[in-house]
Amino acid sequence: TSTPCLLVGSDGTVSCSGPSPLSIQG
């Protein structure tokens, strides 16, 4: 989406090994 649904974050790594919503701003 043009505007992120929500934010998740880290000062290090943000890792997903399976499908994740592309609308999330990682």
PDB file of all heavy atoms in Angstrom:
ATOM      1  N   THR A   1       0.848  -1.191   0.000  1.00  0.00           N
ATOM      2  CA  THR A   1       0.000   0.000   0.000  1.00  0.00           C
ATOM      3  C   THR A   1       0.883   1.240   0.000  1.00  0.00           C
ATOM      4  O   THR A   1       2.040   1.201   0.433  1.00  0.00           O
ATOM      5  CB  THR A   1      -0.913   0.034   1.244  1.00  0.00           C
ATOM      6  OG1 THR A   1      -0.117  -0.040   2.427  1.00  0.00           O
ATOM      7  CG2 THR A   1      -1.894  -1.135   1.232  1.00  0.00           C
ATOM      8  N   SER A   2       0.337   2.350  -0.500  1.00  0.00           N
ATOM      9  CA  SER A   2       1.130   3.584  -0.574  1.00  0.00           C
ATOM     10  C   SER A   2       1.501   4.102   0.806  1.00  0.00           C
ATOM     11  O   SER A   2       2.576   4.649   1.016  1.00  0.00           O
ATOM     12  CB  SER A   2       0.360   4.661  -1.347  1.00  0.00           C
ATOM     13  OG  SER A   2      -0.904   4.909  -0.740  1.00  0.00           O
ATOM     14  N   THR A   3       0.595   3.928   1.762  1.00  0.00           N
ATOM     15  CA  THR A   3       0.871   4.284   3.156  1.00  0.00           C
ATOM     16  C   THR A   3       0.995   3.001   3.957  1.00  0.00           C
ATOM     17  O   THR A   3       0.114   2.151   3.891  1.00  0.00           O
ATOM     18  CB  THR A   3      -0.257   5.149   3.732  1.00  0.00           C
ATOM     19  OG1 THR A   3      -0.390   6.332   2.953  1.00  0.00           O
ATOM     20  CG2 THR A   3       0.051   5.535   5.173  1.00  0.00           C
ATOM     21  N   PRO A   4       2.080   2.821   4.708  1.00  0.00           N
ATOM     22  CA  PRO A   4       2.243   1.578   5.471  1.00  0.00           C
ATOM     23  C   PRO A   4       1.082   1.334   6.409  1.00  0.00           C
ATOM     24  O   PRO A   4       0.548   2.255   7.026  1.00  0.00           O
ATOM     25  CB  PRO A   4       3.545   1.813   6.249  1.00  0.00           C
ATOM     26  CG  PRO A   4       4.274   2.866   5.482  1.00  0.00           C
ATOM     27  CD  PRO A   4       3.216   3.739   4.877  1.00  0.00           C
ATOM     28  N   CYS A   5       0.697   0.078   6.525  1.00  0.00           N
ATOM     29  CA  CYS A   5      -0.362  -0.284   7.468  1.00  0.00           C
ATOM     30  C   CYS A   5       0.114  -0.024   8.892  1.00  0.00           C
ATOM     31  O   CYS A   5      -0.614   0.547   9.705  1.00  0.00           O
ATOM     32  CB  CYS A   5      -0.732  -1.749   7.273  1.00  0.00           C
ATOM     33  SG  CYS A   5      -1.958  -2.364   8.450  1.00  0.00           S
ATOM     34  N   LEU A   6       1.338  -0.421   9.202  1.00  0.00           N
ATOM     35  CA  LEU A   6       1.948  -0.155  10.487  1.00  0.00           C
ATOM     36  C   LEU A   6       3.451  -0.334  10.357  1.00  0.00           C
ATOM     37  O   LEU A   6       3.958  -0.762   9.323  1.00  0.00           O
ATOM     38  CB  LEU A   6       1.369  -1.045  11.597  1.00  0.00           C
ATOM     39  CG  LEU A   6       1.327  -2.567  11.402  1.00  0.00           C
ATOM     40  CD1 LEU A   6       2.684  -3.201  11.621  1.00  0.00           C
ATOM     41  CD2 LEU A   6       0.315  -3.185  12.360  1.00  0.00           C
ATOM     42  N   LEU A   7       4.170  -0.003  11.416  1.00  0.00           N
ATOM     43  CA  LEU A   7       5.624  -0.086  11.405  1.00  0.00           C
ATOM     44  C   LEU A   7       6.112  -1.181  12.352  1.00  0.00           C
ATOM     45  O   LEU A   7       5.634  -1.294  13.477  1.00  0.00           O
ATOM     46  CB  LEU A   7       6.250   1.237  11.846  1.00  0.00           C
ATOM     47  CG  LEU A   7       6.012   2.477  10.992  1.00  0.00           C
ATOM     48  CD1 LEU A   7       6.671   3.684  11.660  1.00  0.00           C
ATOM     49  CD2 LEU A   7       6.542   2.291   9.590  1.00  0.00           C
ATOM     50  N   VAL A   8       7.042  -1.997  11.878  1.00  0.00           N
ATOM     51  CA  VAL A   8       7.839  -2.862  12.738  1.00  0.00           C
ATOM     52  C   VAL A   8       9.286  -2.514  12.454  1.00  0.00           C
ATOM     53  O   VAL A   8       9.624  -2.072  11.350  1.00  0.00           O
ATOM     54  CB  VAL A   8       7.567  -4.357  12.490  1.00  0.00           C
ATOM     55  CG1 VAL A   8       6.122  -4.700  12.776  1.00  0.00           C
ATOM     56  CG2 VAL A   8       7.944  -4.763  11.067  1.00  0.00           C
ATOM     57  N   GLY A   9      10.164  -2.660  13.445  1.00  0.00           N
ATOM     58  CA  GLY A   9      11.528  -2.235  13.191  1.00  0.00           C
ATOM     59  C   GLY A   9      12.521  -2.765  14.195  1.00  0.00           C
ATOM     60  O   GLY A   9      12.155  -3.386  15.194  1.00  0.00           O
ATOM     61  N   SER A  10      13.803  -2.506  13.903  1.00  0.00           N
ATOM     62  CA  SER A  10      14.885  -2.940  14.762  1.00  0.00           C
ATOM     63  C   SER A  10      16.122  -2.108  14.482  1.00  0.00           C
ATOM     64  O   SER A  10      16.308  -1.605  13.371  1.00  0.00           O
ATOM     65  CB  SER A  10      15.197  -4.423  14.525  1.00  0.00           C
ATOM     66  OG  SER A  10      16.335  -4.832  15.265  1.00  0.00           O
ATOM     67  N   ASP A  11      16.982  -1.949  15.495  1.00  0.00           N
ATOM     68  CA  ASP A  11      18.300  -1.369  15.268  1.00  0.00           C
ATOM     69  C   ASP A  11      19.238  -2.387  14.638  1.00  0.00           C
ATOM     70  O   ASP A  11      20.351  -2.043  14.239  1.00  0.00           O
ATOM     71  CB  ASP A  11      18.901  -0.881  16.591  1.00  0.00           C
ATOM     72  CG  ASP A  11      18.350   0.473  17.008  1.00  0.00           C
ATOM     73  OD1 ASP A  11      17.902   1.230  16.135  1.00  0.00           O
ATOM     74  OD2 ASP A  11      18.377   0.773  18.220  1.00  0.00           O
ATOM     75  N   GLY A  12      18.802  -3.642  14.578  1.00  0.00           N
ATOM     76  CA  GLY A  12      19.603  -4.691  13.971  1.00  0.00           C
ATOM     77  C   GLY A  12      18.940  -5.269  12.743  1.00  0.00           C
ATOM     78  O   GLY A  12      19.006  -4.713  11.661  1.00  0.00           O
ATOM     79  N   THR A  13      18.223  -6.389  12.913  1.00  0.00           N
ATOM     80  CA  THR A  13      17.623  -7.064  11.768  1.00  0.00           C
ATOM     81  C   THR A  13      16.133  -7.268  11.976  1.00  0.00           C
ATOM     82  O   THR A  13      15.645  -7.406  13.096  1.00  0.00           O
ATOM     83  CB  THR A  13      18.275  -8.433  11.533  1.00  0.00           C
ATOM     84  OG1 THR A  13      18.075  -9.258  12.696  1.00  0.00           O
ATOM     85  CG2 THR A  13      19.765  -8.286  11.263  1.00  0.00           C
ATOM     86  N   VAL A  14      15.414  -7.281  10.874  1.00  0.00           N
ATOM     87  CA  VAL A  14      14.000  -7.642  10.838  1.00  0.00           C
ATOM     88  C   VAL A  14      13.882  -8.746   9.813  1.00  0.00           C
ATOM     89  O   VAL A  14      14.052  -8.517   8.617  1.00  0.00           O
ATOM     90  CB  VAL A  14      13.108  -6.444  10.448  1.00  0.00           C
ATOM     91  CG1 VAL A  14      11.637  -6.839  10.480  1.00  0.00           C
ATOM     92  CG2 VAL A  14      13.351  -5.264  11.372  1.00  0.00           C
ATOM     93  N   SER A  15      13.615  -9.954  10.282  1.00  0.00           N
ATOM     94  CA  SER A  15      13.703 -11.111   9.401  1.00  0.00           C
ATOM     95  C   SER A  15      12.416 -11.914   9.403  1.00  0.00           C
ATOM     96  O   SER A  15      11.873 -12.242  10.461  1.00  0.00           O
ATOM     97  CB  SER A  15      14.875 -12.009   9.832  1.00  0.00           C
ATOM     98  OG  SER A  15      14.924 -13.179   9.053  1.00  0.00           O
ATOM     99  N   CYS A  16      11.914 -12.215   8.203  1.00  0.00           N
ATOM    100  CA  CYS A  16      10.753 -13.081   8.036  1.00  0.00           C
ATOM    101  C   CYS A  16      11.132 -14.206   7.076  1.00  0.00           C
ATOM    102  O   CYS A  16      11.607 -13.943   5.965  1.00  0.00           O
ATOM    103  CB  CYS A  16       9.563 -12.314   7.464  1.00  0.00           C
ATOM    104  SG  CYS A  16       8.864 -11.065   8.565  1.00  0.00           S
ATOM    105  N   SER A  17      10.920 -15.454   7.491  1.00  0.00           N
ATOM    106  CA  SER A  17      11.232 -16.585   6.607  1.00  0.00           C
ATOM    107  C   SER A  17       9.997 -17.089   5.878  1.00  0.00           C
ATOM    108  O   SER A  17      10.089 -17.973   5.033  1.00  0.00           O
ATOM    109  CB  SER A  17      11.852 -17.730   7.413  1.00  0.00           C
ATOM    110  OG  SER A  17      10.942 -18.195   8.393  1.00  0.00           O
ATOM    111  N   GLY A  18       8.825 -16.547   6.210  1.00  0.00           N
ATOM    112  CA  GLY A  18       7.603 -16.950   5.538  1.00  0.00           C
ATOM    113  C   GLY A  18       6.887 -15.743   4.978  1.00  0.00           C
ATOM    114  O   GLY A  18       7.365 -14.609   5.079  1.00  0.00           O
ATOM    115  N   PRO A  19       5.718 -15.940   4.360  1.00  0.00           N
ATOM    116  CA  PRO A  19       4.971 -14.812   3.789  1.00  0.00           C
ATOM    117  C   PRO A  19       4.629 -13.768   4.850  1.00  0.00           C
ATOM    118  O   PRO A  19       4.249 -14.105   5.975  1.00  0.00           O
ATOM    119  CB  PRO A  19       3.704 -15.477   3.244  1.00  0.00           C
ATOM    120  CG  PRO A  19       4.056 -16.916   3.079  1.00  0.00           C
ATOM    121  CD  PRO A  19       5.029 -17.226   4.164  1.00  0.00           C
ATOM    122  N   SER A  20       4.797 -12.490   4.502  1.00  0.00           N
ATOM    123  CA  SER A  20       4.449 -11.400   5.410  1.00  0.00           C
ATOM    124  C   SER A  20       3.718 -10.329   4.612  1.00  0.00           C
ATOM    125  O   SER A  20       3.931 -10.201   3.401  1.00  0.00           O
ATOM    126  CB  SER A  20       5.702 -10.812   6.063  1.00  0.00           C
ATOM    127  OG  SER A  20       6.565 -10.286   5.081  1.00  0.00           O
ATOM    128  N   PRO A  21       2.832  -9.588   5.251  1.00  0.00           N
ATOM    129  CA  PRO A  21       2.081  -8.552   4.524  1.00  0.00           C
ATOM    130  C   PRO A  21       3.011  -7.498   3.932  1.00  0.00           C
ATOM    131  O   PRO A  21       3.819  -6.906   4.648  1.00  0.00           O
ATOM    132  CB  PRO A  21       1.177  -7.963   5.611  1.00  0.00           C
ATOM    133  CG  PRO A  21       1.128  -8.992   6.683  1.00  0.00           C
ATOM    134  CD  PRO A  21       2.457  -9.664   6.659  1.00  0.00           C
ATOM    135  N   LEU A  22       2.904  -7.245   2.662  1.00  0.00           N
ATOM    136  CA  LEU A  22       3.737  -6.226   2.025  1.00  0.00           C
ATOM    137  C   LEU A  22       3.311  -4.824   2.432  1.00  0.00           C
ATOM    138  O   LEU A  22       4.030  -3.853   2.185  1.00  0.00           O
ATOM    139  CB  LEU A  22       3.659  -6.363   0.500  1.00  0.00           C
ATOM    140  CG  LEU A  22       4.256  -7.654  -0.074  1.00  0.00           C
ATOM    141  CD1 LEU A  22       4.056  -7.693  -1.585  1.00  0.00           C
ATOM    142  CD2 LEU A  22       5.729  -7.769   0.263  1.00  0.00           C
ATOM    143  N   SER A  23       2.149  -4.708   3.067  1.00  0.00           N
ATOM    144  CA  SER A  23       1.676  -3.389   3.495  1.00  0.00           C
ATOM    145  C   SER A  23       2.352  -2.937   4.777  1.00  0.00           C
ATOM    146  O   SER A  23       2.221  -1.790   5.178  1.00  0.00           O
ATOM    147  CB  SER A  23       0.160  -3.427   3.698  1.00  0.00           C
ATOM    148  OG  SER A  23      -0.192  -4.409   4.666  1.00  0.00           O
ATOM    149  N   ILE A  24       3.083  -3.826   5.434  1.00  0.00           N
ATOM    150  CA  ILE A  24       3.817  -3.457   6.643  1.00  0.00           C
ATOM    151  C   ILE A  24       5.107  -2.766   6.239  1.00  0.00           C
ATOM    152  O   ILE A  24       5.781  -3.173   5.299  1.00  0.00           O
ATOM    153  CB  ILE A  24       4.135  -4.700   7.492  1.00  0.00           C
ATOM    154  CG1 ILE A  24       2.851  -5.270   8.092  1.00  0.00           C
ATOM    155  CG2 ILE A  24       5.116  -4.373   8.604  1.00  0.00           C
ATOM    156  CD1 ILE A  24       3.061  -6.522   8.891  1.00  0.00           C
ATOM    157  N   GLN A  25       5.453  -1.707   6.935  1.00  0.00           N
ATOM    158  CA  GLN A  25       6.723  -1.024   6.694  1.00  0.00           C
ATOM    159  C   GLN A  25       7.759  -1.627   7.621  1.00  0.00           C
ATOM    160  O   GLN A  25       7.850  -1.281   8.796  1.00  0.00           O
ATOM    161  CB  GLN A  25       6.610   0.472   6.949  1.00  0.00           C
ATOM    162  CG  GLN A  25       7.860   1.244   6.573  1.00  0.00           C
ATOM    163  CD  GLN A  25       7.927   1.547   5.087  1.00  0.00           C
ATOM    164  OE1 GLN A  25       7.217   2.391   4.587  1.00  0.00           O
ATOM    165  NE2 GLN A  25       8.783   0.827   4.383  1.00  0.00           N
ATOM    166  N   GLY A  26       8.531  -2.578   7.127  1.00  0.00           N
ATOM    167  CA  GLY A  26       9.597  -3.184   7.908  1.00  0.00           C
ATOM    168  C   GLY A  26      10.814  -2.275   7.880  1.00  0.00           C
ATOM    169  O   GLY A  26      11.309  -1.940   6.812  1.00  0.00           O
TER     170      GLY A  26
END
